[in-house]
Amino acid sequence: MVKVKLMQVVIQPPSLIETGIKVETVNNRPLFKFTDRLQLHLETLLEKNKVNDLTAEEQDELNAINELDRLFTYLNSLLLAQQ
């Protein structure tokens, strides 16, 4: 039996969920991952963040993507534990 911890995540903008998620099979296991487009956007935001060049909107996007990454890590760990 797997114990499930509850976590509340609000992802804004919702388009990240609609266009930024894919399920990829890795070693015969399904895993949630970012699409190539979202991964590239994340890397761009991280580079801008390093030099303190993010707008408020970009900072919100970076925060949302980081939350989505945290959620993926959690969900993927649950999937791996069940197999």
PDB file of N, CA and C in Angstrom:
ATOM      1  N   MET A   1       0.851  -1.176   0.000  1.00  0.00           N
ATOM      2  CA  MET A   1       0.000   0.000   0.000  1.00  0.00           C
ATOM      3  C   MET A   1       0.895   1.237   0.000  1.00  0.00           C
ATOM      4  N   VAL A   2       0.542   2.194  -0.851  1.00  0.00           N
ATOM      5  CA  VAL A   2       1.302   3.428  -0.957  1.00  0.00           C
ATOM      6  C   VAL A   2       0.561   4.521  -0.216  1.00  0.00           C
ATOM      7  N   LYS A   3       1.247   5.177   0.700  1.00  0.00           N
ATOM      8  CA  LYS A   3       0.660   6.320   1.390  1.00  0.00           C
ATOM      9  C   LYS A   3       0.790   7.532   0.484  1.00  0.00           C
ATOM     10  N   VAL A   4      -0.259   8.306   0.399  1.00  0.00           N
ATOM     11  CA  VAL A   4      -0.276   9.472  -0.466  1.00  0.00           C
ATOM     12  C   VAL A   4      -0.332  10.723   0.387  1.00  0.00           C
ATOM     13  N   LYS A   5       0.610  11.611   0.168  1.00  0.00           N
ATOM     14  CA  LYS A   5       0.594  12.901   0.847  1.00  0.00           C
ATOM     15  C   LYS A   5      -0.166  13.875  -0.038  1.00  0.00           C
ATOM     16  N   LEU A   6      -0.969  14.690   0.557  1.00  0.00           N
ATOM     17  CA  LEU A   6      -1.715  15.686  -0.195  1.00  0.00           C
ATOM     18  C   LEU A   6      -0.858  16.921  -0.392  1.00  0.00           C
ATOM     19  N   MET A   7      -0.913  17.461  -1.594  1.00  0.00           N
ATOM     20  CA  MET A   7      -0.222  18.710  -1.864  1.00  0.00           C
ATOM     21  C   MET A   7      -1.106  19.553  -2.760  1.00  0.00           C
ATOM     22  N   GLN A   8      -1.098  20.829  -2.508  1.00  0.00           N
ATOM     23  CA  GLN A   8      -1.906  21.750  -3.284  1.00  0.00           C
ATOM     24  C   GLN A   8      -0.990  22.511  -4.223  1.00  0.00           C
ATOM     25  N   VAL A   9      -1.319  22.445  -5.512  1.00  0.00           N
ATOM     26  CA  VAL A   9      -0.513  23.125  -6.519  1.00  0.00           C
ATOM     27  C   VAL A   9      -1.458  23.865  -7.454  1.00  0.00           C
ATOM     28  N   VAL A  10      -1.179  25.114  -7.677  1.00  0.00           N
ATOM     29  CA  VAL A  10      -1.934  25.901  -8.636  1.00  0.00           C
ATOM     30  C   VAL A  10      -0.967  26.340  -9.726  1.00  0.00           C
ATOM     31  N   ILE A  11      -1.217  25.887 -10.948  1.00  0.00           N
ATOM     32  CA  ILE A  11      -0.334  26.199 -12.061  1.00  0.00           C
ATOM     33  C   ILE A  11      -0.968  27.297 -12.904  1.00  0.00           C
ATOM     34  N   GLN A  12      -0.276  28.399 -13.008  1.00  0.00           N
ATOM     35  CA  GLN A  12      -0.711  29.516 -13.846  1.00  0.00           C
ATOM     36  C   GLN A  12       0.440  29.885 -14.771  1.00  0.00           C
ATOM     37  N   PRO A  13       0.286  30.159 -16.001  1.00  0.00           N
ATOM     38  CA  PRO A  13      -0.974  30.088 -16.729  1.00  0.00           C
ATOM     39  C   PRO A  13      -1.376  28.648 -17.039  1.00  0.00           C
ATOM     40  N   PRO A  14      -2.689  28.411 -17.200  1.00  0.00           N
ATOM     41  CA  PRO A  14      -3.164  27.059 -17.481  1.00  0.00           C
ATOM     42  C   PRO A  14      -2.587  26.471 -18.769  1.00  0.00           C
ATOM     43  N   SER A  15      -2.136  27.304 -19.683  1.00  0.00           N
ATOM     44  CA  SER A  15      -1.575  26.800 -20.938  1.00  0.00           C
ATOM     45  C   SER A  15      -0.364  25.910 -20.711  1.00  0.00           C
ATOM     46  N   LEU A  16       0.336  26.083 -19.579  1.00  0.00           N
ATOM     47  CA  LEU A  16       1.466  25.210 -19.281  1.00  0.00           C
ATOM     48  C   LEU A  16       1.012  23.764 -19.183  1.00  0.00           C
ATOM     49  N   ILE A  17      -0.163  23.559 -18.623  1.00  0.00           N
ATOM     50  CA  ILE A  17      -0.688  22.210 -18.484  1.00  0.00           C
ATOM     51  C   ILE A  17      -1.164  21.692 -19.836  1.00  0.00           C
ATOM     52  N   GLU A  18      -1.745  22.544 -20.640  1.00  0.00           N
ATOM     53  CA  GLU A  18      -2.295  22.124 -21.924  1.00  0.00           C
ATOM     54  C   GLU A  18      -1.213  21.829 -22.958  1.00  0.00           C
ATOM     55  N   THR A  19      -0.123  22.589 -22.936  1.00  0.00           N
ATOM     56  CA  THR A  19       0.874  22.456 -24.007  1.00  0.00           C
ATOM     57  C   THR A  19       2.257  22.054 -23.528  1.00  0.00           C
ATOM     58  N   GLY A  20       2.480  21.984 -22.236  1.00  0.00           N
ATOM     59  CA  GLY A  20       3.828  21.764 -21.742  1.00  0.00           C
ATOM     60  C   GLY A  20       4.117  20.388 -21.183  1.00  0.00           C
ATOM     61  N   ILE A  21       3.115  19.502 -21.247  1.00  0.00           N
ATOM     62  CA  ILE A  21       3.260  18.191 -20.610  1.00  0.00           C
ATOM     63  C   ILE A  21       3.247  17.094 -21.661  1.00  0.00           C
ATOM     64  N   LYS A  22       4.116  16.108 -21.440  1.00  0.00           N
ATOM     65  CA  LYS A  22       4.052  14.886 -22.239  1.00  0.00           C
ATOM     66  C   LYS A  22       4.316  13.713 -21.304  1.00  0.00           C
ATOM     67  N   VAL A  23       3.854  12.554 -21.713  1.00  0.00           N
ATOM     68  CA  VAL A  23       4.153  11.326 -20.990  1.00  0.00           C
ATOM     69  C   VAL A  23       5.082  10.538 -21.894  1.00  0.00           C
ATOM     70  N   GLU A  24       6.240  10.242 -21.362  1.00  0.00           N
ATOM     71  CA  GLU A  24       7.269   9.559 -22.143  1.00  0.00           C
ATOM     72  C   GLU A  24       7.611   8.245 -21.448  1.00  0.00           C
ATOM     73  N   THR A  25       7.804   7.204 -22.237  1.00  0.00           N
ATOM     74  CA  THR A  25       8.196   5.922 -21.676  1.00  0.00           C
ATOM     75  C   THR A  25       9.709   5.868 -21.565  1.00  0.00           C
ATOM     76  N   VAL A  26      10.185   5.651 -20.349  1.00  0.00           N
ATOM     77  CA  VAL A  26      11.610   5.548 -20.071  1.00  0.00           C
ATOM     78  C   VAL A  26      11.824   4.226 -19.339  1.00  0.00           C
ATOM     79  N   ASN A  27      12.643   3.344 -19.924  1.00  0.00           N
ATOM     80  CA  ASN A  27      12.869   2.012 -19.342  1.00  0.00           C
ATOM     81  C   ASN A  27      11.550   1.294 -19.065  1.00  0.00           C
ATOM     82  N   ASN A  28      10.656   1.351 -20.048  1.00  0.00           N
ATOM     83  CA  ASN A  28       9.342   0.698 -19.963  1.00  0.00           C
ATOM     84  C   ASN A  28       8.451   1.252 -18.863  1.00  0.00           C
ATOM     85  N   ARG A  29       8.702   2.480 -18.455  1.00  0.00           N
ATOM     86  CA  ARG A  29       7.886   3.116 -17.419  1.00  0.00           C
ATOM     87  C   ARG A  29       7.397   4.474 -17.919  1.00  0.00           C
ATOM     88  N   PRO A  30       6.108   4.753 -17.756  1.00  0.00           N
ATOM     89  CA  PRO A  30       5.612   6.073 -18.166  1.00  0.00           C
ATOM     90  C   PRO A  30       6.030   7.139 -17.148  1.00  0.00           C
ATOM     91  N   LEU A  31       6.540   8.235 -17.656  1.00  0.00           N
ATOM     92  CA  LEU A  31       6.943   9.346 -16.800  1.00  0.00           C
ATOM     93  C   LEU A  31       6.426  10.657 -17.366  1.00  0.00           C
ATOM     94  N   PHE A  32       6.015  11.550 -16.473  1.00  0.00           N
ATOM     95  CA  PHE A  32       5.620  12.896 -16.881  1.00  0.00           C
ATOM     96  C   PHE A  32       6.883  13.700 -17.145  1.00  0.00           C
ATOM     97  N   LYS A  33       6.869  14.415 -18.273  1.00  0.00           N
ATOM     98  CA  LYS A  33       8.023  15.242 -18.627  1.00  0.00           C
ATOM     99  C   LYS A  33       7.520  16.526 -19.276  1.00  0.00           C
ATOM    100  N   PHE A  34       8.431  17.505 -19.354  1.00  0.00           N
ATOM    101  CA  PHE A  34       8.119  18.728 -20.100  1.00  0.00           C
ATOM    102  C   PHE A  34       8.270  18.455 -21.588  1.00  0.00           C
ATOM    103  N   THR A  35       7.469  19.145 -22.387  1.00  0.00           N
ATOM    104  CA  THR A  35       7.693  19.098 -23.826  1.00  0.00           C
ATOM    105  C   THR A  35       9.008  19.814 -24.122  1.00  0.00           C
ATOM    106  N   ASP A  36       9.563  19.556 -25.287  1.00  0.00           N
ATOM    107  CA  ASP A  36      10.813  20.228 -25.666  1.00  0.00           C
ATOM    108  C   ASP A  36      10.647  21.743 -25.647  1.00  0.00           C
ATOM    109  N   ARG A  37       9.491  22.202 -26.096  1.00  0.00           N
ATOM    110  CA  ARG A  37       9.227  23.649 -26.142  1.00  0.00           C
ATOM    111  C   ARG A  37       9.249  24.258 -24.736  1.00  0.00           C
ATOM    112  N   LEU A  38       8.581  23.593 -23.790  1.00  0.00           N
ATOM    113  CA  LEU A  38       8.559  24.125 -22.422  1.00  0.00           C
ATOM    114  C   LEU A  38       9.936  24.025 -21.779  1.00  0.00           C
ATOM    115  N   GLN A  39      10.661  22.939 -22.046  1.00  0.00           N
ATOM    116  CA  GLN A  39      12.008  22.786 -21.495  1.00  0.00           C
ATOM    117  C   GLN A  39      12.920  23.912 -21.976  1.00  0.00           C
ATOM    118  N   LEU A  40      12.835  24.243 -23.262  1.00  0.00           N
ATOM    119  CA  LEU A  40      13.632  25.329 -23.816  1.00  0.00           C
ATOM    120  C   LEU A  40      13.245  26.663 -23.184  1.00  0.00           C
ATOM    121  N   HIS A  41      11.955  26.873 -23.000  1.00  0.00           N
ATOM    122  CA  HIS A  41      11.484  28.108 -22.368  1.00  0.00           C
ATOM    123  C   HIS A  41      11.987  28.199 -20.926  1.00  0.00           C
ATOM    124  N   LEU A  42      11.943  27.085 -20.207  1.00  0.00           N
ATOM    125  CA  LEU A  42      12.459  27.048 -18.837  1.00  0.00           C
ATOM    126  C   LEU A  42      13.937  27.422 -18.806  1.00  0.00           C
ATOM    127  N   GLU A  43      14.711  26.860 -19.704  1.00  0.00           N
ATOM    128  CA  GLU A  43      16.143  27.167 -19.744  1.00  0.00           C
ATOM    129  C   GLU A  43      16.396  28.642 -20.034  1.00  0.00           C
ATOM    130  N   THR A  44      15.583  29.225 -20.908  1.00  0.00           N
ATOM    131  CA  THR A  44      15.696  30.657 -21.211  1.00  0.00           C
ATOM    132  C   THR A  44      15.385  31.493 -19.972  1.00  0.00           C
ATOM    133  N   LEU A  45      14.321  31.133 -19.272  1.00  0.00           N
ATOM    134  CA  LEU A  45      13.959  31.858 -18.053  1.00  0.00           C
ATOM    135  C   LEU A  45      15.038  31.726 -16.983  1.00  0.00           C
ATOM    136  N   LEU A  46      15.614  30.547 -16.856  1.00  0.00           N
ATOM    137  CA  LEU A  46      16.671  30.338 -15.861  1.00  0.00           C
ATOM    138  C   LEU A  46      17.901  31.185 -16.173  1.00  0.00           C
ATOM    139  N   GLU A  47      18.246  31.289 -17.450  1.00  0.00           N
ATOM    140  CA  GLU A  47      19.386  32.127 -17.847  1.00  0.00           C
ATOM    141  C   GLU A  47      19.118  33.595 -17.530  1.00  0.00           C
ATOM    142  N   LYS A  48      17.910  34.052 -17.848  1.00  0.00           N
ATOM    143  CA  LYS A  48      17.553  35.437 -17.539  1.00  0.00           C
ATOM    144  C   LYS A  48      17.531  35.676 -16.033  1.00  0.00           C
ATOM    145  N   ASN A  49      17.106  34.676 -15.280  1.00  0.00           N
ATOM    146  CA  ASN A  49      17.045  34.802 -13.830  1.00  0.00           C
ATOM    147  C   ASN A  49      18.447  34.927 -13.228  1.00  0.00           C
ATOM    148  N   LYS A  50      19.414  34.245 -13.821  1.00  0.00           N
ATOM    149  CA  LYS A  50      20.796  34.311 -13.328  1.00  0.00           C
ATOM    150  C   LYS A  50      21.343  35.734 -13.347  1.00  0.00           C
ATOM    151  N   VAL A  51      20.897  36.518 -14.317  1.00  0.00           N
ATOM    152  CA  VAL A  51      21.392  37.895 -14.441  1.00  0.00           C
ATOM    153  C   VAL A  51      20.341  38.914 -13.992  1.00  0.00           C
ATOM    154  N   ASN A  52      19.362  38.425 -13.209  1.00  0.00           N
ATOM    155  CA  ASN A  52      18.301  39.300 -12.669  1.00  0.00           C
ATOM    156  C   ASN A  52      17.611  40.116 -13.746  1.00  0.00           C
ATOM    157  N   ASP A  53      17.238  39.449 -14.847  1.00  0.00           N
ATOM    158  CA  ASP A  53      16.637  40.148 -15.979  1.00  0.00           C
ATOM    159  C   ASP A  53      15.219  39.650 -16.284  1.00  0.00           C
ATOM    160  N   LEU A  54      14.542  39.099 -15.286  1.00  0.00           N
ATOM    161  CA  LEU A  54      13.173  38.624 -15.495  1.00  0.00           C
ATOM    162  C   LEU A  54      12.161  39.731 -15.232  1.00  0.00           C
ATOM    163  N   THR A  55      11.149  39.796 -16.080  1.00  0.00           N
ATOM    164  CA  THR A  55      10.024  40.675 -15.794  1.00  0.00           C
ATOM    165  C   THR A  55       9.171  39.992 -14.722  1.00  0.00           C
ATOM    166  N   ALA A  56       8.223  40.709 -14.169  1.00  0.00           N
ATOM    167  CA  ALA A  56       7.335  40.122 -13.160  1.00  0.00           C
ATOM    168  C   ALA A  56       6.554  38.955 -13.761  1.00  0.00           C
ATOM    169  N   GLU A  57       6.123  39.102 -14.997  1.00  0.00           N
ATOM    170  CA  GLU A  57       5.381  38.028 -15.674  1.00  0.00           C
ATOM    171  C   GLU A  57       6.267  36.797 -15.873  1.00  0.00           C
ATOM    172  N   GLU A  58       7.513  37.022 -16.268  1.00  0.00           N
ATOM    173  CA  GLU A  58       8.441  35.906 -16.457  1.00  0.00           C
ATOM    174  C   GLU A  58       8.759  35.220 -15.126  1.00  0.00           C
ATOM    175  N   GLN A  59       8.850  35.990 -14.058  1.00  0.00           N
ATOM    176  CA  GLN A  59       9.090  35.401 -12.742  1.00  0.00           C
ATOM    177  C   GLN A  59       7.920  34.512 -12.339  1.00  0.00           C
ATOM    178  N   ASP A  60       6.696  34.972 -12.634  1.00  0.00           N
ATOM    179  CA  ASP A  60       5.515  34.156 -12.360  1.00  0.00           C
ATOM    180  C   ASP A  60       5.542  32.867 -13.171  1.00  0.00           C
ATOM    181  N   GLU A  61       5.941  32.984 -14.443  1.00  0.00           N
ATOM    182  CA  GLU A  61       6.054  31.789 -15.289  1.00  0.00           C
ATOM    183  C   GLU A  61       7.092  30.815 -14.734  1.00  0.00           C
ATOM    184  N   LEU A  62       8.233  31.328 -14.339  1.00  0.00           N
ATOM    185  CA  LEU A  62       9.290  30.487 -13.783  1.00  0.00           C
ATOM    186  C   LEU A  62       8.799  29.793 -12.517  1.00  0.00           C
ATOM    187  N   ASN A  63       8.109  30.517 -11.672  1.00  0.00           N
ATOM    188  CA  ASN A  63       7.550  29.920 -10.458  1.00  0.00           C
ATOM    189  C   ASN A  63       6.561  28.805 -10.794  1.00  0.00           C
ATOM    190  N   ALA A  64       5.710  29.038 -11.796  1.00  0.00           N
ATOM    191  CA  ALA A  64       4.722  28.039 -12.191  1.00  0.00           C
ATOM    192  C   ALA A  64       5.396  26.797 -12.766  1.00  0.00           C
ATOM    193  N   ILE A  65       6.412  26.992 -13.579  1.00  0.00           N
ATOM    194  CA  ILE A  65       7.125  25.853 -14.158  1.00  0.00           C
ATOM    195  C   ILE A  65       7.844  25.077 -13.066  1.00  0.00           C
ATOM    196  N   ASN A  66       8.404  25.769 -12.103  1.00  0.00           N
ATOM    197  CA  ASN A  66       9.058  25.088 -10.986  1.00  0.00           C
ATOM    198  C   ASN A  66       8.053  24.267 -10.172  1.00  0.00           C
ATOM    199  N   GLU A  67       6.846  24.791  -9.987  1.00  0.00           N
ATOM    200  CA  GLU A  67       5.801  24.042  -9.291  1.00  0.00           C
ATOM    201  C   GLU A  67       5.406  22.803 -10.094  1.00  0.00           C
ATOM    202  N   LEU A  68       5.306  22.969 -11.401  1.00  0.00           N
ATOM    203  CA  LEU A  68       4.979  21.846 -12.266  1.00  0.00           C
ATOM    204  C   LEU A  68       6.080  20.784 -12.206  1.00  0.00           C
ATOM    205  N   ASP A  69       7.319  21.222 -12.170  1.00  0.00           N
ATOM    206  CA  ASP A  69       8.446  20.292 -12.048  1.00  0.00           C
ATOM    207  C   ASP A  69       8.373  19.531 -10.728  1.00  0.00           C
ATOM    208  N   ARG A  70       8.044  20.232  -9.676  1.00  0.00           N
ATOM    209  CA  ARG A  70       7.900  19.603  -8.361  1.00  0.00           C
ATOM    210  C   ARG A  70       6.783  18.565  -8.376  1.00  0.00           C
ATOM    211  N   LEU A  71       5.678  18.898  -9.038  1.00  0.00           N
ATOM    212  CA  LEU A  71       4.559  17.978  -9.157  1.00  0.00           C
ATOM    213  C   LEU A  71       4.961  16.748  -9.967  1.00  0.00           C
ATOM    214  N   PHE A  72       5.677  16.950 -11.063  1.00  0.00           N
ATOM    215  CA  PHE A  72       6.144  15.824 -11.882  1.00  0.00           C
ATOM    216  C   PHE A  72       7.047  14.906 -11.077  1.00  0.00           C
ATOM    217  N   THR A  73       7.943  15.484 -10.326  1.00  0.00           N
ATOM    218  CA  THR A  73       8.854  14.682  -9.504  1.00  0.00           C
ATOM    219  C   THR A  73       8.057  13.811  -8.535  1.00  0.00           C
ATOM    220  N   TYR A  74       7.064  14.395  -7.924  1.00  0.00           N
ATOM    221  CA  TYR A  74       6.223  13.664  -6.977  1.00  0.00           C
ATOM    222  C   TYR A  74       5.437  12.554  -7.681  1.00  0.00           C
ATOM    223  N   LEU A  75       4.757  12.906  -8.786  1.00  0.00           N
ATOM    224  CA  LEU A  75       3.954  11.913  -9.504  1.00  0.00           C
ATOM    225  C   LEU A  75       4.826  10.792 -10.067  1.00  0.00           C
ATOM    226  N   ASN A  76       5.954  11.143 -10.625  1.00  0.00           N
ATOM    227  CA  ASN A  76       6.843  10.131 -11.182  1.00  0.00           C
ATOM    228  C   ASN A  76       7.357   9.193 -10.089  1.00  0.00           C
ATOM    229  N   SER A  77       7.618   9.724  -8.911  1.00  0.00           N
ATOM    230  CA  SER A  77       8.074   8.852  -7.818  1.00  0.00           C
ATOM    231  C   SER A  77       6.973   7.889  -7.408  1.00  0.00           C
ATOM    232  N   LEU A  78       5.726   8.340  -7.434  1.00  0.00           N
ATOM    233  CA  LEU A  78       4.594   7.444  -7.131  1.00  0.00           C
ATOM    234  C   LEU A  78       4.474   6.364  -8.193  1.00  0.00           C
ATOM    235  N   LEU A  79       4.610   6.745  -9.449  1.00  0.00           N
ATOM    236  CA  LEU A  79       4.509   5.772 -10.543  1.00  0.00           C
ATOM    237  C   LEU A  79       5.622   4.725 -10.436  1.00  0.00           C
ATOM    238  N   LEU A  80       6.815   5.174 -10.145  1.00  0.00           N
ATOM    239  CA  LEU A  80       7.937   4.246 -10.036  1.00  0.00           C
ATOM    240  C   LEU A  80       7.771   3.314  -8.842  1.00  0.00           C
ATOM    241  N   ALA A  81       7.213   3.808  -7.772  1.00  0.00           N
ATOM    242  CA  ALA A  81       7.033   2.987  -6.566  1.00  0.00           C
ATOM    243  C   ALA A  81       5.981   1.884  -6.776  1.00  0.00           C
ATOM    244  N   GLN A  82       5.050   2.113  -7.683  1.00  0.00           N
ATOM    245  CA  GLN A  82       3.983   1.147  -7.912  1.00  0.00           C
ATOM    246  C   GLN A  82       4.390   0.049  -8.878  1.00  0.00           C
ATOM    247  N   GLN A  83       5.468   0.230  -9.576  1.00  0.00           N
ATOM    248  CA  GLN A  83       5.837  -0.772 -10.596  1.00  0.00           C
ATOM    249  C   GLN A  83       6.905  -1.698 -10.118  1.00  0.00           C
TER     250      GLN A  83
END
